[in-house]
Amino acid sequence: MVVENRKNTVSGNTALASQVNPLPRERVKTPTKQGPSKEELRKVRKQKIAKFLKLNGSIVAVGLVGAIIVSRYSAIYNNQKEIIVLQEQIQTLTEESEDLRIKLLKFNNFS
């Protein structure tokens, strides 16, 4: 059932929430805003791409700097471990040399 009003048409039962379809108005040409030209769109797109590349470039640069720092710290850590091992070896060798020196002194005293 279609009921026509002066301004709107109503489809269906009016007891429920009905759909209101406005009647078509006379078409009047309104001056429309012209959108940006193709050149302006191209410039905007180039600017967005440049901004995107700059952001990604900075992210990659920060990642590389971080990786370099981590690798350098790992090299320093490995060198410190080697230094500690060498110091322990030096300590054991000095203790052994002192023991041998004491044994030589004892042997020389007996003879």
C-alpha atoms as a PDB file:
ATOM      1  CA  MET A   1       0.000   0.000   0.000  1.00  0.00           C
ATOM      2  CA  VAL A   2       1.464   3.324  -1.018  1.00  0.00           C
ATOM      3  CA  VAL A   3       0.277   6.488   0.663  1.00  0.00           C
ATOM      4  CA  GLU A   4       1.332   9.720  -0.896  1.00  0.00           C
ATOM      5  CA  ASN A   5       1.836  12.829   1.089  1.00  0.00           C
ATOM      6  CA  ARG A   6       2.632  16.226  -0.231  1.00  0.00           C
ATOM      7  CA  LYS A   7       6.360  15.788   0.332  1.00  0.00           C
ATOM      8  CA  ASN A   8       7.018  12.121   1.009  1.00  0.00           C
ATOM      9  CA  THR A   9       5.795   8.716  -0.014  1.00  0.00           C
ATOM     10  CA  VAL A  10       5.426   6.033   2.631  1.00  0.00           C
ATOM     11  CA  SER A  11       5.820   2.355   1.749  1.00  0.00           C
ATOM     12  CA  GLY A  12       4.429  -0.363   3.993  1.00  0.00           C
ATOM     13  CA  ASN A  13       2.560  -0.347   7.243  1.00  0.00           C
ATOM     14  CA  THR A  14       2.721   2.898   9.176  1.00  0.00           C
ATOM     15  CA  ALA A  15       2.459   1.132  12.544  1.00  0.00           C
ATOM     16  CA  LEU A  16       6.050  -0.031  12.260  1.00  0.00           C
ATOM     17  CA  ALA A  17       9.038   2.050  11.386  1.00  0.00           C
ATOM     18  CA  SER A  18       8.325   2.844   7.800  1.00  0.00           C
ATOM     19  CA  GLN A  19      10.659   3.762   5.029  1.00  0.00           C
ATOM     20  CA  VAL A  20      10.182   7.285   3.840  1.00  0.00           C
ATOM     21  CA  ASN A  21      11.073   7.889   0.235  1.00  0.00           C
ATOM     22  CA  PRO A  22      11.115  11.563  -0.671  1.00  0.00           C
ATOM     23  CA  LEU A  23       9.522  12.534  -3.943  1.00  0.00           C
ATOM     24  CA  PRO A  24      11.954  13.567  -6.623  1.00  0.00           C
ATOM     25  CA  ARG A  25      12.466  17.312  -6.766  1.00  0.00           C
ATOM     26  CA  GLU A  26      13.085  19.292  -9.830  1.00  0.00           C
ATOM     27  CA  ARG A  27      16.705  19.083 -10.689  1.00  0.00           C
ATOM     28  CA  VAL A  28      18.413  22.378 -10.357  1.00  0.00           C
ATOM     29  CA  LYS A  29      21.995  22.669 -11.432  1.00  0.00           C
ATOM     30  CA  THR A  30      24.076  23.819  -8.548  1.00  0.00           C
ATOM     31  CA  PRO A  31      27.566  24.975  -9.147  1.00  0.00           C
ATOM     32  CA  THR A  32      29.776  22.099  -8.129  1.00  0.00           C
ATOM     33  CA  LYS A  33      33.199  22.435  -6.720  1.00  0.00           C
ATOM     34  CA  GLN A  34      35.797  21.285  -9.113  1.00  0.00           C
ATOM     35  CA  GLY A  35      38.070  18.689  -7.619  1.00  0.00           C
ATOM     36  CA  PRO A  36      41.812  18.941  -7.722  1.00  0.00           C
ATOM     37  CA  SER A  37      43.355  18.585 -11.127  1.00  0.00           C
ATOM     38  CA  LYS A  38      45.399  15.600 -12.176  1.00  0.00           C
ATOM     39  CA  GLU A  39      48.623  17.518 -11.717  1.00  0.00           C
ATOM     40  CA  GLU A  40      47.691  18.470  -8.169  1.00  0.00           C
ATOM     41  CA  LEU A  41      46.763  14.864  -7.421  1.00  0.00           C
ATOM     42  CA  ARG A  42      50.075  13.735  -8.888  1.00  0.00           C
ATOM     43  CA  LYS A  43      51.970  16.235  -6.728  1.00  0.00           C
ATOM     44  CA  VAL A  44      50.113  15.132  -3.620  1.00  0.00           C
ATOM     45  CA  ARG A  45      50.786  11.490  -4.453  1.00  0.00           C
ATOM     46  CA  LYS A  46      54.495  12.212  -4.978  1.00  0.00           C
ATOM     47  CA  GLN A  47      54.628  14.035  -1.658  1.00  0.00           C
ATOM     48  CA  LYS A  48      52.969  11.118   0.107  1.00  0.00           C
ATOM     49  CA  ILE A  49      55.392   8.664  -1.500  1.00  0.00           C
ATOM     50  CA  ALA A  50      58.358  10.853  -0.555  1.00  0.00           C
ATOM     51  CA  LYS A  51      57.113  11.096   3.027  1.00  0.00           C
ATOM     52  CA  PHE A  52      56.557   7.330   3.159  1.00  0.00           C
ATOM     53  CA  LEU A  53      60.049   6.624   1.805  1.00  0.00           C
ATOM     54  CA  LYS A  54      61.607   9.099   4.219  1.00  0.00           C
ATOM     55  CA  LEU A  55      59.843   7.464   7.157  1.00  0.00           C
ATOM     56  CA  ASN A  56      60.819   3.959   6.047  1.00  0.00           C
ATOM     57  CA  GLY A  57      64.381   5.107   5.391  1.00  0.00           C
ATOM     58  CA  SER A  58      64.678   6.486   8.895  1.00  0.00           C
ATOM     59  CA  ILE A  59      63.244   3.268  10.341  1.00  0.00           C
ATOM     60  CA  VAL A  60      65.784   1.203   8.390  1.00  0.00           C
ATOM     61  CA  ALA A  61      68.602   3.524   9.468  1.00  0.00           C
ATOM     62  CA  VAL A  62      67.639   3.184  13.133  1.00  0.00           C
ATOM     63  CA  GLY A  63      67.486  -0.600  12.715  1.00  0.00           C
ATOM     64  CA  LEU A  64      70.944  -0.693  11.132  1.00  0.00           C
ATOM     65  CA  VAL A  65      72.428   1.487  13.861  1.00  0.00           C
ATOM     66  CA  GLY A  66      70.868  -0.780  16.481  1.00  0.00           C
ATOM     67  CA  ALA A  67      72.235  -3.895  14.785  1.00  0.00           C
ATOM     68  CA  ILE A  68      75.708  -2.361  14.548  1.00  0.00           C
ATOM     69  CA  ILE A  69      75.648  -1.385  18.226  1.00  0.00           C
ATOM     70  CA  VAL A  70      74.547  -4.870  19.279  1.00  0.00           C
ATOM     71  CA  SER A  71      77.253  -6.503  17.150  1.00  0.00           C
ATOM     72  CA  ARG A  72      79.934  -4.209  18.591  1.00  0.00           C
ATOM     73  CA  TYR A  73      78.811  -4.936  22.154  1.00  0.00           C
ATOM     74  CA  SER A  74      78.882  -8.660  21.447  1.00  0.00           C
ATOM     75  CA  ALA A  75      82.432  -8.340  20.082  1.00  0.00           C
ATOM     76  CA  ILE A  76      83.483  -6.407  23.194  1.00  0.00           C
ATOM     77  CA  TYR A  77      81.843  -9.007  25.433  1.00  0.00           C
ATOM     78  CA  ASN A  78      83.649 -11.843  23.623  1.00  0.00           C
ATOM     79  CA  ASN A  79      86.974 -10.015  23.951  1.00  0.00           C
ATOM     80  CA  GLN A  80      86.383  -9.530  27.673  1.00  0.00           C
ATOM     81  CA  LYS A  81      85.701 -13.244  28.070  1.00  0.00           C
ATOM     82  CA  GLU A  82      88.970 -14.043  26.287  1.00  0.00           C
ATOM     83  CA  ILE A  83      90.847 -11.569  28.494  1.00  0.00           C
ATOM     84  CA  ILE A  84      89.424 -13.185  31.628  1.00  0.00           C
ATOM     85  CA  VAL A  85      90.444 -16.651  30.390  1.00  0.00           C
ATOM     86  CA  LEU A  86      93.970 -15.409  29.617  1.00  0.00           C
ATOM     87  CA  GLN A  87      94.258 -13.768  33.049  1.00  0.00           C
ATOM     88  CA  GLU A  88      93.239 -17.039  34.688  1.00  0.00           C
ATOM     89  CA  GLN A  89      95.874 -18.898  32.654  1.00  0.00           C
ATOM     90  CA  ILE A  90      98.501 -16.338  33.640  1.00  0.00           C
ATOM     91  CA  GLN A  91      97.524 -16.738  37.286  1.00  0.00           C
ATOM     92  CA  THR A  92      97.815 -20.539  37.146  1.00  0.00           C
ATOM     93  CA  LEU A  93     101.170 -20.324  35.341  1.00  0.00           C
ATOM     94  CA  THR A  94     102.577 -17.917  37.933  1.00  0.00           C
ATOM     95  CA  GLU A  95     101.425 -20.237  40.713  1.00  0.00           C
ATOM     96  CA  GLU A  96     103.063 -23.206  38.973  1.00  0.00           C
ATOM     97  CA  SER A  97     106.290 -21.273  38.446  1.00  0.00           C
ATOM     98  CA  GLU A  98     106.371 -20.312  42.125  1.00  0.00           C
ATOM     99  CA  ASP A  99     105.834 -23.945  43.084  1.00  0.00           C
ATOM    100  CA  LEU A 100     108.674 -25.011  40.798  1.00  0.00           C
ATOM    101  CA  ARG A 101     110.929 -22.301  42.217  1.00  0.00           C
ATOM    102  CA  ILE A 102     110.195 -23.534  45.744  1.00  0.00           C
ATOM    103  CA  LYS A 103     110.964 -27.121  44.702  1.00  0.00           C
ATOM    104  CA  LEU A 104     114.252 -25.992  43.132  1.00  0.00           C
ATOM    105  CA  LEU A 105     115.227 -24.165  46.298  1.00  0.00           C
ATOM    106  CA  LYS A 106     114.437 -27.265  48.374  1.00  0.00           C
ATOM    107  CA  PHE A 107     116.407 -29.452  46.000  1.00  0.00           C
ATOM    108  CA  ASN A 108     119.381 -27.069  46.075  1.00  0.00           C
ATOM    109  CA  ASN A 109     119.272 -26.976  49.870  1.00  0.00           C
ATOM    110  CA  PHE A 110     119.440 -30.780  50.080  1.00  0.00           C
ATOM    111  CA  SER A 111     122.330 -31.094  47.770  1.00  0.00           C
END
